[in-house]
Amino acid sequence: MQYPAPIAKLIDSFMKLPGVGEKTATRYAFYVLQMEDQDVSAFSKNLLEVKRKLHHCPNCGNLTDMDLCSICRDKSRDPSTIIVVEDVRDVMSMEKMQEYHGLYHVLNGVLSPSAGTAIEDINLMSLLERLQKHPEIKEVIIATNANVEGETTAMYIARLLKPIGVKVTRIACGLSVGSDIEYADEMTLFKAIEGRTEL
């Protein structure tokens, strides 16, 4: 037996979301049937607004609904330091820490030959332009993920920026607080030893 067309289409729509299989999509679709009309309207309005009103900040690549994102507009931020991250969600994670007060540059991706992602597919060239326009930037901190694609991207950025004369650093990688050495993989242990500090 097949579901009526409207619910079948809604199930298909939910299945386009990452990590949502047929069972979860079906559960979501039937939950929508039980929702109040005003809640469904608000939900659909929010979906449309996200697509229509949000865009990437032309300065840093962060998401915004204004000309520039709130971080680029904030004059109290330290303009001498930029953290380069892979994704907008990484900016939010860094901001939760409340210890970093510089600027960001969001790549919106990483270099990945296997996935067909090249230099022109990520927000990298605008970082070079930014550094050339703003000599007050003294350090670029690369905060890509500690996986093959993240490491490849970090090394490429470092090589690209060295001739400019700006200091390029990489966030420390290795054992997280509270983890056990016996459960760590070789790369994590290598990075932990490589990033050791003096006591």
Protein backbone atom coordinates (compact mmCIF):
# COMPACT_ATOMS: atom_id res chain seq x y z
CA MET A 1 0.00 0.00 0.00
CA GLN A 2 1.25 3.46 -0.86
CA TYR A 3 0.68 6.62 1.14
CA PRO A 4 -1.47 9.36 -0.41
CA ALA A 5 0.60 11.64 -2.66
CA PRO A 6 0.85 14.65 -0.26
CA ILE A 7 2.30 12.59 2.59
CA ALA A 8 4.53 10.57 0.24
CA LYS A 9 5.99 13.84 -1.11
CA LEU A 10 6.54 15.13 2.43
CA ILE A 11 8.33 11.89 3.39
CA ASP A 12 10.55 12.29 0.30
CA SER A 13 11.29 15.88 1.32
CA PHE A 14 12.32 14.88 4.84
CA MET A 15 14.54 12.11 3.43
CA LYS A 16 16.63 14.78 1.68
CA LEU A 17 17.88 15.92 5.10
CA PRO A 18 21.21 14.39 6.19
CA GLY A 19 20.88 11.39 8.49
CA VAL A 20 17.13 11.06 7.93
CA GLY A 21 16.10 7.66 6.63
CA GLU A 22 12.68 6.46 5.52
CA LYS A 23 11.44 5.53 9.03
CA THR A 24 12.43 8.87 10.55
CA ALA A 25 11.05 10.79 7.57
CA THR A 26 7.74 8.92 7.88
CA ARG A 27 7.59 9.71 11.60
CA TYR A 28 8.25 13.43 10.88
CA ALA A 29 5.60 13.52 8.14
CA PHE A 30 2.94 11.99 10.37
CA TYR A 31 3.92 14.35 13.19
CA VAL A 32 3.28 17.29 10.82
CA LEU A 33 -0.28 15.99 10.36
CA GLN A 34 -0.86 16.42 14.11
CA MET A 35 0.60 19.93 14.29
CA GLU A 36 -1.59 23.03 14.52
CA ASP A 37 -2.02 24.93 11.24
CA GLN A 38 -0.23 28.03 12.58
CA ASP A 39 2.77 25.91 13.64
CA VAL A 40 3.01 24.34 10.17
CA SER A 41 2.76 27.80 8.59
CA ALA A 42 5.49 29.16 10.88
CA PHE A 43 7.69 26.14 10.12
CA SER A 44 7.34 26.56 6.35
CA LYS A 45 7.88 30.34 6.67
CA ASN A 46 11.10 29.75 8.62
CA LEU A 47 12.36 27.35 5.94
CA LEU A 48 11.73 29.92 3.21
CA GLU A 49 13.32 32.76 5.21
CA VAL A 50 16.51 30.77 5.76
CA LYS A 51 16.85 30.32 2.00
CA ARG A 52 15.78 33.83 1.00
CA LYS A 53 17.30 36.07 3.69
CA LEU A 54 20.62 34.43 4.58
CA HIS A 55 23.78 34.81 2.54
CA HIS A 56 27.52 34.55 3.09
CA CYS A 57 29.26 37.63 4.44
CA PRO A 58 31.30 39.08 1.54
CA ASN A 59 34.15 39.80 3.94
CA CYS A 60 34.60 36.53 5.85
CA GLY A 61 32.15 33.93 4.50
CA ASN A 62 30.08 33.66 7.69
CA LEU A 63 26.28 33.53 7.43
CA THR A 64 24.38 36.78 7.80
CA ASP A 65 21.10 38.47 6.97
CA MET A 66 22.79 41.92 6.78
CA ASP A 67 25.46 43.42 4.49
CA LEU A 68 28.23 42.15 6.82
CA CYS A 69 28.02 39.55 9.59
CA SER A 70 27.84 40.67 13.22
CA ILE A 71 31.49 39.72 13.85
CA CYS A 72 32.83 41.76 10.91
CA ARG A 73 30.67 44.72 12.03
CA ASP A 74 31.95 44.53 15.62
CA LYS A 75 34.61 47.26 15.99
CA SER A 76 35.74 45.85 19.35
CA ARG A 77 37.16 42.70 17.70
CA ASP A 78 40.94 42.39 17.34
CA PRO A 79 41.66 42.97 13.62
CA SER A 80 45.21 41.56 13.84
CA THR A 81 44.15 37.90 14.09
CA ILE A 82 42.00 35.72 11.84
CA ILE A 83 40.96 32.13 12.54
CA VAL A 84 40.32 30.13 9.36
CA VAL A 85 37.56 27.53 9.83
CA GLU A 86 35.85 25.05 7.51
CA ASP A 87 32.22 25.79 8.30
CA VAL A 88 29.91 28.42 9.80
CA ARG A 89 29.15 26.00 12.65
CA ASP A 90 32.84 26.14 13.60
CA VAL A 91 32.50 29.90 14.16
CA MET A 92 29.63 29.25 16.57
CA SER A 93 31.72 26.66 18.44
CA MET A 94 34.64 29.08 18.78
CA GLU A 95 32.36 31.87 19.93
CA LYS A 96 30.89 29.69 22.70
CA MET A 97 34.40 29.51 24.16
CA GLN A 98 34.28 33.32 24.73
CA GLU A 99 38.08 33.50 24.79
CA TYR A 100 38.84 34.46 21.19
CA HIS A 101 38.20 38.08 20.22
CA GLY A 102 39.68 38.27 16.72
CA LEU A 103 38.09 37.79 13.32
CA TYR A 104 37.19 34.72 11.24
CA HIS A 105 37.43 33.47 7.71
CA VAL A 106 35.02 30.68 6.75
CA LEU A 107 36.17 28.42 3.91
CA ASN A 108 32.75 26.78 3.49
CA GLY A 109 34.49 23.53 2.58
CA VAL A 110 37.91 21.86 2.37
CA LEU A 111 40.18 20.65 -0.38
CA SER A 112 39.24 17.08 -1.23
CA PRO A 113 40.40 15.53 -4.51
CA SER A 114 38.27 12.43 -3.84
CA ALA A 115 35.12 14.57 -3.53
CA GLY A 116 36.17 16.80 -6.43
CA THR A 117 36.57 19.91 -4.23
CA ALA A 118 39.31 22.18 -5.57
CA ILE A 119 40.67 25.62 -4.62
CA GLU A 120 38.01 27.47 -6.61
CA ASP A 121 35.25 25.57 -4.78
CA ILE A 122 36.10 26.98 -1.35
CA ASN A 123 36.32 30.54 -0.01
CA LEU A 124 40.12 30.78 -0.11
CA MET A 125 41.11 33.44 -2.65
CA SER A 126 39.14 36.08 -0.74
CA LEU A 127 41.41 35.37 2.27
CA LEU A 128 44.44 36.36 0.18
CA GLU A 129 42.66 39.52 -0.96
CA ARG A 130 41.77 40.30 2.65
CA LEU A 131 45.38 39.95 3.78
CA GLN A 132 46.60 42.21 0.98
CA LYS A 133 44.00 44.91 1.77
CA HIS A 134 44.53 44.80 5.55
CA PRO A 135 48.18 44.99 6.65
CA GLU A 136 47.02 45.11 10.28
CA ILE A 137 46.41 41.33 10.08
CA LYS A 138 49.49 39.80 11.74
CA GLU A 139 48.44 36.18 12.35
CA VAL A 140 46.28 33.60 10.61
CA ILE A 141 45.30 30.65 12.81
CA ILE A 142 44.24 27.61 10.79
CA ALA A 143 41.50 25.66 12.55
CA THR A 144 40.48 23.03 10.03
CA ASN A 145 39.51 19.56 11.28
CA ALA A 146 42.23 17.03 12.08
CA ASN A 147 41.38 14.66 9.24
CA VAL A 148 43.01 14.09 5.85
CA GLU A 149 41.04 16.84 4.08
CA GLY A 150 41.50 19.31 6.96
CA GLU A 151 45.25 18.66 7.15
CA THR A 152 45.65 18.94 3.37
CA THR A 153 43.76 22.24 3.38
CA ALA A 154 45.79 23.56 6.33
CA MET A 155 49.11 22.74 4.64
CA TYR A 156 47.98 24.31 1.38
CA ILE A 157 46.89 27.52 3.13
CA ALA A 158 50.16 27.69 5.09
CA ARG A 159 52.22 27.37 1.89
CA LEU A 160 50.05 29.96 0.16
CA LEU A 161 50.36 32.52 2.98
CA LYS A 162 54.05 32.15 3.92
CA PRO A 163 55.32 34.42 1.09
CA ILE A 164 52.96 37.20 2.23
CA GLY A 165 54.87 37.47 5.52
CA VAL A 166 51.94 36.91 7.85
CA LYS A 167 52.41 34.54 10.79
CA VAL A 168 50.57 31.25 10.13
CA THR A 169 49.76 28.94 13.05
CA ARG A 170 47.69 25.77 13.47
CA ILE A 171 45.45 24.96 16.42
CA ALA A 172 46.84 22.20 18.62
CA CYS A 173 45.60 18.67 17.94
CA GLY A 174 45.92 15.56 20.01
CA LEU A 175 44.36 13.98 23.08
CA SER A 176 41.26 15.68 24.35
CA VAL A 177 40.89 16.40 28.06
CA GLY A 178 39.61 13.34 29.89
CA SER A 179 40.55 10.83 27.19
CA ASP A 180 42.62 7.67 27.74
CA ILE A 181 45.84 7.04 25.79
CA GLU A 182 45.00 3.37 25.28
CA TYR A 183 41.91 4.29 23.21
CA ALA A 184 43.63 6.93 21.04
CA ASP A 185 44.62 6.19 17.44
CA GLU A 186 48.14 6.65 16.09
CA MET A 187 47.49 10.01 14.42
CA THR A 188 45.97 11.46 17.59
CA LEU A 189 48.96 10.31 19.66
CA PHE A 190 51.40 11.66 17.06
CA LYS A 191 49.69 15.05 17.08
CA ALA A 192 49.60 15.07 20.89
CA ILE A 193 53.38 14.49 21.07
CA GLU A 194 54.09 16.92 18.24
CA GLY A 195 52.03 19.65 19.92
CA ARG A 196 53.53 19.14 23.39
CA THR A 197 54.25 22.19 25.55
CA GLU A 198 56.78 22.84 28.29
CA LEU A 199 55.62 22.51 31.89
